[in-house]
Protein backbone atom coordinates (compact mmCIF):
# COMPACT_ATOMS: atom_id res chain seq x y z
CA MET A 1 -2.12 -52.88 -34.80
CA LEU A 2 -1.58 -55.21 -31.83
CA VAL A 3 -4.43 -57.42 -30.60
CA ILE A 4 -4.27 -58.63 -26.99
CA VAL A 5 -6.26 -61.85 -26.64
CA GLY A 6 -7.79 -62.04 -23.17
CA ALA A 7 -7.08 -58.49 -22.05
CA SER A 8 -9.55 -58.56 -19.16
CA GLY A 9 -7.68 -61.38 -17.42
CA LYS A 10 -5.01 -60.69 -14.81
CA LEU A 11 -1.97 -60.88 -17.09
CA GLY A 12 -3.63 -59.23 -20.07
CA PHE A 13 -4.96 -56.38 -17.97
CA ALA A 14 -1.55 -55.79 -16.37
CA THR A 15 0.12 -55.79 -19.78
CA LEU A 16 -2.41 -53.42 -21.31
CA THR A 17 -2.12 -51.10 -18.32
CA SER A 18 1.67 -50.98 -18.66
CA LEU A 19 1.52 -50.32 -22.40
CA LEU A 20 -0.67 -47.28 -21.88
CA ASP A 21 0.57 -45.98 -18.52
CA HIS A 22 4.15 -45.94 -19.80
CA GLN A 23 3.09 -44.65 -23.23
CA LEU A 24 4.77 -47.56 -24.96
CA LEU A 25 2.06 -47.85 -27.61
CA ALA A 26 -0.68 -45.48 -28.69
CA SER A 27 -4.18 -46.58 -27.71
CA SER A 28 -5.23 -46.35 -31.36
CA GLN A 29 -2.70 -49.09 -32.16
CA ILE A 30 -4.15 -51.57 -29.66
CA ALA A 31 -7.18 -53.84 -29.90
CA VAL A 32 -8.30 -56.24 -27.17
CA THR A 33 -10.62 -59.20 -26.79
CA SER A 34 -12.93 -60.15 -23.95
CA SER A 35 -15.23 -63.15 -23.63
CA SER A 36 -17.69 -61.75 -21.09
CA THR A 37 -19.83 -58.73 -20.27
CA SER A 38 -17.96 -58.22 -17.01
CA GLY A 39 -14.65 -58.33 -18.86
CA SER A 40 -15.84 -55.78 -21.37
CA SER A 41 -16.94 -53.49 -18.53
CA LYS A 42 -13.53 -53.85 -16.92
CA LEU A 43 -11.90 -52.69 -20.15
CA GLN A 44 -14.21 -49.69 -20.64
CA PRO A 45 -11.69 -47.14 -19.29
CA PHE A 46 -9.29 -48.24 -22.02
CA THR A 47 -11.85 -48.25 -24.82
CA SER A 48 -12.75 -44.69 -23.87
CA GLN A 49 -9.10 -43.83 -24.58
CA GLY A 50 -9.28 -45.29 -28.08
CA VAL A 51 -8.52 -48.99 -27.59
CA THR A 52 -10.70 -51.19 -29.84
CA LEU A 53 -12.70 -53.95 -28.11
CA HIS A 54 -13.74 -57.23 -29.75
CA ASN A 55 -15.92 -59.92 -28.20
CA ALA A 56 -14.35 -63.35 -28.66
CA ASN A 57 -14.13 -66.62 -26.78
CA TRP A 58 -12.42 -69.94 -27.36
CA ASP A 59 -15.62 -71.56 -28.64
CA ASP A 60 -15.91 -69.10 -31.51
CA PRO A 61 -15.21 -70.53 -34.98
CA ILE A 62 -12.04 -69.73 -36.90
CA PRO A 63 -13.76 -67.18 -39.20
CA HIS A 64 -14.71 -65.12 -36.15
CA TRP A 65 -11.09 -65.05 -34.99
CA THR A 66 -10.08 -64.03 -38.51
CA SER A 67 -12.43 -61.06 -38.33
CA VAL A 68 -11.09 -60.11 -34.89
CA PHE A 69 -7.53 -60.07 -36.23
CA LYS A 70 -8.34 -58.10 -39.37
CA ASN A 71 -5.86 -55.21 -39.77
CA ALA A 72 -3.59 -56.61 -37.02
CA ASP A 73 0.09 -57.12 -37.74
CA ALA A 74 0.72 -58.84 -34.39
CA ILE A 75 -1.21 -60.63 -31.65
CA PHE A 76 -0.43 -61.19 -27.98
CA LEU A 77 -1.95 -64.63 -27.38
CA ILE A 78 -2.48 -65.20 -23.68
CA SER A 79 -2.87 -68.92 -23.07
CA SER A 80 -6.29 -70.39 -22.44
CA ALA A 81 -7.39 -70.63 -18.81
CA ARG A 82 -9.62 -73.64 -19.51
CA ILE A 83 -7.31 -76.00 -17.65
CA GLN A 84 -10.00 -78.68 -17.39
CA LYS A 85 -9.31 -79.47 -21.04
CA ASP A 86 -5.85 -80.69 -20.03
CA PHE A 87 -7.04 -83.05 -17.30
CA HIS A 88 -6.74 -86.85 -17.56
CA ASP A 89 -3.88 -86.76 -20.06
CA ALA A 90 -5.68 -85.02 -22.92
CA SER A 91 -4.47 -86.34 -26.25
CA PRO A 92 -2.62 -84.03 -28.67
CA GLY A 93 -4.91 -81.40 -30.11
CA HIS A 94 -7.56 -81.83 -27.41
CA GLY A 95 -6.07 -79.94 -24.47
CA ARG A 96 -5.86 -76.17 -24.17
CA GLU A 97 -3.69 -76.13 -27.25
CA ALA A 98 -6.88 -76.68 -29.28
CA ASP A 99 -8.04 -73.21 -28.20
CA HIS A 100 -4.70 -71.74 -29.21
CA PHE A 101 -4.62 -73.50 -32.58
CA LYS A 102 -8.03 -72.09 -33.50
CA ALA A 103 -6.96 -68.53 -32.76
CA LEU A 104 -3.67 -69.03 -34.57
CA GLU A 105 -5.42 -70.34 -37.68
CA GLY A 106 -7.62 -67.27 -37.61
CA ALA A 107 -4.56 -65.07 -37.26
CA LYS A 108 -2.87 -66.75 -40.21
CA ALA A 109 -5.95 -66.25 -42.38
CA ALA A 110 -6.12 -62.58 -41.35
CA GLY A 111 -2.54 -61.97 -42.43
CA VAL A 112 -1.04 -61.46 -38.97
CA LYS A 113 2.75 -61.22 -39.23
CA HIS A 114 3.90 -61.96 -35.67
CA VAL A 115 2.63 -63.92 -32.65
CA TYR A 116 3.63 -63.34 -29.04
CA TYR A 117 2.58 -66.36 -26.98
CA THR A 118 2.47 -66.59 -23.18
CA SER A 119 3.93 -69.93 -22.18
CA LEU A 120 5.08 -70.93 -18.69
CA ALA A 121 8.54 -70.73 -17.14
CA PHE A 122 8.93 -74.43 -16.42
CA ALA A 123 11.72 -76.69 -17.64
CA ASN A 124 11.62 -77.88 -21.23
CA PRO A 125 10.89 -80.71 -21.55
CA SER A 126 8.93 -80.76 -18.30
CA LYS A 127 7.62 -83.61 -16.16
CA SER A 128 4.63 -81.46 -15.28
CA CYS A 129 1.37 -81.91 -17.18
CA VAL A 130 0.81 -78.18 -16.66
CA MET A 131 3.32 -77.63 -19.45
CA THR A 132 1.88 -80.06 -21.98
CA ALA A 133 -0.46 -77.62 -23.74
CA HIS A 134 2.28 -74.99 -23.77
CA GLU A 135 4.80 -77.40 -25.29
CA ARG A 136 2.32 -78.41 -27.97
CA THR A 137 1.56 -74.77 -28.78
CA GLU A 138 5.25 -73.90 -28.94
CA ALA A 139 5.79 -76.81 -31.34
CA TYR A 140 2.86 -75.61 -33.47
CA LEU A 141 4.35 -72.13 -33.71
CA ALA A 142 7.72 -73.56 -34.70
CA GLU A 143 6.09 -75.63 -37.45
CA HIS A 144 3.61 -73.12 -38.86
CA TRP A 145 4.94 -69.62 -38.20
CA ALA A 146 8.44 -69.80 -39.69
CA GLY A 147 10.12 -67.96 -36.85
CA HIS A 148 7.63 -65.10 -36.82
CA PHE A 149 6.80 -65.59 -33.17
CA THR A 150 8.08 -64.87 -29.68
CA ILE A 151 7.51 -67.32 -26.85
CA ILE A 152 7.27 -65.55 -23.50
CA ARG A 153 7.64 -68.02 -20.67
CA GLU A 154 5.90 -66.26 -17.82
CA GLY A 155 7.09 -66.88 -14.26
CA LEU A 156 4.66 -68.32 -11.75
CA TYR A 157 2.49 -65.57 -10.35
CA SER A 158 3.31 -64.59 -6.78
CA GLU A 159 -0.44 -64.37 -6.37
CA SER A 160 -0.83 -68.08 -7.26
CA TRP A 161 1.17 -69.43 -4.30
CA PRO A 162 -1.89 -71.11 -2.69
CA LEU A 163 -2.26 -73.48 -5.65
CA TYR A 164 1.28 -74.77 -5.29
CA PHE A 165 1.26 -74.72 -1.50
CA GLY A 166 -0.99 -77.71 -1.02
CA HIS A 167 -4.01 -76.11 -2.71
CA TRP A 168 -4.25 -73.72 0.22
CA ASP A 169 -7.70 -72.16 0.64
CA LEU A 170 -7.45 -68.61 1.96
CA GLN A 171 -10.87 -68.89 3.60
CA SER A 172 -11.25 -72.44 4.91
CA ASP A 173 -7.59 -73.23 5.69
CA ARG A 174 -7.08 -70.61 8.38
CA ASN A 175 -6.67 -73.34 11.00
CA ARG A 176 -4.71 -75.75 8.81
CA SER A 177 -1.50 -76.76 10.52
CA GLU A 178 0.22 -78.96 7.93
CA VAL A 179 0.73 -78.95 4.18
CA ILE A 180 1.91 -81.99 2.25
CA THR A 181 2.98 -82.05 -1.39
CA ALA A 182 4.81 -84.41 -3.71
CA GLY A 183 7.89 -82.23 -3.98
CA GLY A 184 9.12 -79.11 -2.30
CA GLY A 185 11.71 -77.61 -4.63
CA LYS A 186 12.34 -73.92 -5.05
CA ILE A 187 10.00 -71.70 -7.03
CA SER A 188 10.72 -68.23 -8.35
CA TRP A 189 7.54 -66.23 -7.80
CA THR A 190 6.96 -63.10 -9.88
CA SER A 191 4.19 -60.55 -9.46
CA ILE A 192 1.59 -60.10 -12.19
CA ALA A 193 2.35 -56.38 -12.31
CA ASP A 194 6.04 -57.05 -13.00
CA LEU A 195 5.21 -59.60 -15.70
CA GLY A 196 2.79 -57.13 -17.27
CA LEU A 197 5.47 -54.47 -17.54
CA ALA A 198 8.02 -56.93 -18.96
CA ASN A 199 5.48 -58.13 -21.53
CA ALA A 200 4.71 -54.54 -22.49
CA LEU A 201 8.36 -53.74 -23.11
CA ILE A 202 8.68 -56.76 -25.41
CA LEU A 203 5.47 -55.95 -27.28
CA ALA A 204 6.51 -52.33 -27.83
CA ALA A 205 9.97 -53.20 -29.17
CA PRO A 206 10.64 -53.66 -32.90
CA ARG A 207 9.30 -57.08 -33.98
CA ASP A 208 12.71 -58.27 -35.20
CA GLU A 209 14.26 -57.71 -31.77
CA TRP A 210 12.39 -60.69 -30.30
CA LYS A 211 11.68 -62.64 -33.49
CA GLY A 212 12.09 -66.41 -33.06
CA ARG A 213 13.18 -66.09 -29.44
CA THR A 214 12.06 -67.78 -26.24
CA VAL A 215 12.17 -65.49 -23.22
CA TYR A 216 11.95 -66.41 -19.55
CA LEU A 217 10.41 -63.76 -17.30
CA SER A 218 11.09 -64.40 -13.64
CA GLN A 219 12.71 -62.73 -10.72
CA LYS A 220 15.94 -64.25 -9.37
CA GLN A 221 14.92 -65.10 -5.81
CA ALA A 222 13.41 -68.56 -5.30
CA LEU A 223 11.74 -70.07 -2.25
CA SER A 224 11.26 -73.73 -1.35
CA LEU A 225 7.83 -74.77 -0.11
CA ALA A 226 9.34 -75.21 3.35
CA GLU A 227 10.33 -71.54 3.19
CA VAL A 228 6.85 -70.64 1.98
CA ALA A 229 5.49 -72.48 5.03
CA LYS A 230 7.56 -70.21 7.26
CA VAL A 231 6.21 -67.10 5.53
CA VAL A 232 2.63 -68.34 5.90
CA SER A 233 3.26 -69.24 9.54
CA GLU A 234 4.49 -65.74 10.29
CA ALA A 235 1.57 -64.15 8.45
CA LYS A 236 -1.06 -66.13 10.34
CA ALA A 237 0.84 -66.16 13.65
CA SER A 238 0.57 -69.93 13.98
CA GLU A 239 2.82 -72.68 12.69
CA VAL A 240 2.14 -74.40 9.40
CA ALA A 241 4.37 -77.45 8.97
CA PHE A 242 5.46 -78.66 5.55
CA ARG A 243 6.01 -82.31 4.67
CA GLU A 244 7.15 -83.80 1.38
CA VAL A 245 5.46 -87.06 0.40
CA SER A 246 5.27 -89.48 -2.52
CA ARG A 247 3.11 -88.74 -5.54
CA ASP A 248 0.68 -91.53 -4.60
CA GLU A 249 0.26 -90.18 -1.07
CA HIS A 250 -0.18 -86.67 -2.42
CA GLU A 251 -2.91 -87.74 -4.84
CA HIS A 252 -4.71 -89.89 -2.26
CA PHE A 253 -4.73 -87.10 0.32
CA TYR A 254 -6.10 -84.36 -1.91
CA VAL A 255 -8.58 -86.54 -3.81
CA LYS A 256 -9.83 -88.83 -1.03
CA GLU A 257 -9.38 -86.72 2.09
CA ARG A 258 -9.76 -83.19 0.74
CA GLY A 259 -12.36 -84.14 -1.87
CA MET A 260 -10.66 -82.39 -4.76
CA ASP A 261 -11.10 -83.12 -8.46
CA GLU A 262 -8.74 -85.93 -9.45
CA GLY A 263 -8.06 -84.30 -12.80
CA LEU A 264 -6.80 -81.13 -11.12
CA VAL A 265 -4.71 -82.96 -8.52
CA THR A 266 -2.95 -85.17 -11.07
CA TRP A 267 -2.57 -82.37 -13.64
């Protein structure tokens, strides 16, 4: 039995869809978790096919996670989306990794044999605070799971480009003519659907095939933010200039002038 943690989210839903659409795993061998009524409703078409649904959220105690993972030999642990926990340099064990640790302790108590964890396809070690919780979770797996894990470093979603392109707002930034960021290097964007299929192929393979391995999932083409600016300019039929600035200028602009949360901007 495989349990997908967070199956109603974008990546989990795409992975579950690929597993069933391509007949990689039988529905009776899959269980999923959702933390909301809307998420459970979204998963209803799959539960009607035989997928087991459990209600679980990151605030649930370890014994609840243990009950969710009962009879599972493997879990697909999609990283917590509660990014606010990482803000302002969260100390070890207090960022998103705390959510992961709780689920992993529950999995250990339930007798789970293998963990697939969705990390992020950044450098290791990384200068980005976005990676901190992932690095801590990877280290936890290395210490406590004796190689019985697979780290899947997911490429940045193509659909997430606005976040990295100056926190672009698809509604209010229609007339925005310039984007500034502290850095403009190339990014390899990968669609959620493609990542879902790649995840599904890994999950359906024999456990030993990916045991103890770290996998990067990303397409080969990469675009700089200046190139992204050209794509956006063409799409909206008006020029959007890109300018690279210092970190201090970046933080001042988005916090003081755009009114954004300092924790998010400095994350």
